[in-house]
Protein backbone atom coordinates (compact mmCIF):
# COMPACT_ATOMS: atom_id res chain seq x y z
CA MET A 1 -88.03 -16.22 23.72
CA PRO A 2 -88.63 -14.62 20.33
CA ASP A 3 -85.72 -14.06 17.98
CA ILE A 4 -85.10 -10.30 18.21
CA ASP A 5 -82.47 -8.60 16.12
CA PRO A 6 -79.86 -6.54 18.01
CA ASP A 7 -81.16 -3.13 16.86
CA THR A 8 -84.71 -3.93 17.92
CA ARG A 9 -83.46 -5.31 21.22
CA THR A 10 -81.57 -2.07 21.88
CA GLN A 11 -84.69 -0.07 21.03
CA LEU A 12 -86.81 -2.17 23.39
CA GLU A 13 -84.26 -1.88 26.19
CA ALA A 14 -84.06 1.90 25.68
CA ALA A 15 -87.86 2.17 25.79
CA ALA A 16 -87.97 0.13 29.01
CA PHE A 17 -85.27 2.35 30.54
CA ARG A 18 -87.17 5.51 29.57
CA THR A 19 -90.33 4.07 31.11
CA LEU A 20 -88.48 3.20 34.33
CA VAL A 21 -87.01 6.70 34.56
CA ALA A 22 -90.42 8.30 33.91
CA HIS A 23 -91.96 6.07 36.57
CA LEU A 24 -89.30 7.03 39.13
CA ARG A 25 -89.77 10.72 38.31
CA GLN A 26 -93.49 10.35 39.09
CA ARG A 27 -92.87 8.34 42.28
CA THR A 28 -91.07 11.03 44.24
CA ASP A 29 -92.58 9.49 47.37
CA VAL A 30 -90.24 6.52 46.94
CA GLN A 31 -86.95 7.53 48.49
CA ASN A 32 -83.59 6.36 47.17
CA ILE A 33 -82.87 4.64 50.48
CA ASP A 34 -86.07 2.61 50.05
CA LEU A 35 -84.94 1.56 46.58
CA MET A 36 -81.48 0.65 47.86
CA ASN A 37 -82.82 -1.33 50.79
CA LEU A 38 -85.34 -3.26 48.70
CA ALA A 39 -83.75 -3.53 45.27
CA GLY A 40 -80.07 -2.76 45.75
CA PHE A 41 -80.08 0.20 43.36
CA CYS A 42 -81.53 3.70 43.22
CA ARG A 43 -81.81 6.72 40.97
CA ASN A 44 -78.16 7.59 41.64
CA CYS A 45 -77.13 4.11 40.53
CA LEU A 46 -79.08 4.55 37.29
CA SER A 47 -77.36 7.87 36.67
CA ASN A 48 -73.96 6.32 37.38
CA TRP A 49 -74.69 3.49 34.93
CA TYR A 50 -75.81 6.06 32.35
CA GLN A 51 -72.60 8.02 32.88
CA ASP A 52 -70.55 4.81 32.55
CA ALA A 53 -72.33 3.90 29.29
CA ALA A 54 -71.63 7.38 27.94
CA ALA A 55 -67.94 7.11 28.87
CA GLU A 56 -67.71 3.73 27.11
CA ARG A 57 -68.82 5.53 23.96
CA GLY A 58 -66.39 8.42 24.39
CA ILE A 59 -69.05 10.86 25.62
CA ASP A 60 -67.97 13.14 28.45
CA LEU A 61 -70.95 13.33 30.80
CA SER A 62 -70.51 14.68 34.31
CA LYS A 63 -72.16 13.14 37.35
CA PRO A 64 -74.48 16.18 37.76
CA GLU A 65 -75.47 15.95 34.07
CA ALA A 66 -76.19 12.23 34.33
CA ARG A 67 -78.23 12.76 37.48
CA GLU A 68 -80.27 15.50 35.80
CA ILE A 69 -81.10 13.06 32.99
CA VAL A 70 -82.47 10.56 35.52
CA TYR A 71 -84.08 12.96 37.98
CA GLY A 72 -85.48 15.35 35.36
CA MET A 73 -84.00 18.29 37.25
CA PRO A 74 -80.76 19.17 39.04
CA TYR A 75 -80.10 16.69 41.86
CA ASP A 76 -79.91 19.38 44.54
CA GLU A 77 -83.32 20.66 43.47
CA TRP A 78 -84.80 17.15 43.60
CA LYS A 79 -83.36 16.61 47.08
CA ARG A 80 -84.78 19.94 48.26
CA LEU A 81 -88.23 19.19 46.86
CA HIS A 82 -88.57 15.46 47.51
CA GLN A 83 -85.93 13.88 49.73
CA THR A 84 -86.84 13.19 53.33
CA GLU A 85 -84.60 12.33 56.25
CA ALA A 86 -83.98 8.60 56.55
CA THR A 87 -85.60 6.92 59.51
CA PRO A 88 -83.33 5.11 61.95
CA GLU A 89 -84.73 1.82 60.60
CA GLN A 90 -83.96 2.78 56.99
CA ALA A 91 -80.45 3.88 57.90
CA ALA A 92 -79.78 0.67 59.85
CA ALA A 93 -81.02 -1.51 56.97
CA PHE A 94 -78.86 0.46 54.55
CA ALA A 95 -75.78 0.15 56.76
CA ALA A 96 -76.33 -3.58 57.27
CA LYS A 97 -76.15 -4.23 53.53
CA ALA A 98 -73.00 -2.10 53.20
CA PRO A 99 -73.63 -1.22 49.54
CA ALA A 100 -71.08 0.63 47.49
CA HIS A 101 -73.11 3.75 46.85
CA ASP A 102 -72.65 7.49 46.70
């Protein structure tokens, strides 16, 4: 692995995060439950991690604000426009893994 200074590493990680968020904004066909069942995290997890990182730096960021950063719009609007009802199979797979998720 190349020797990367901490500032450059942070910049690279931030760029990768921005690319991931942009990708997820484009892939509205991929439901959060699909992400949770396959990868163990979803858009809500990303927004929670973002909120946690802000809090660690003394920045007061609400859950709705953090979700808007990840979703690119208010969460309720995203759900209205893009979220579909989970299939029984998706719900069963989700329940079987018993993730801590809200």
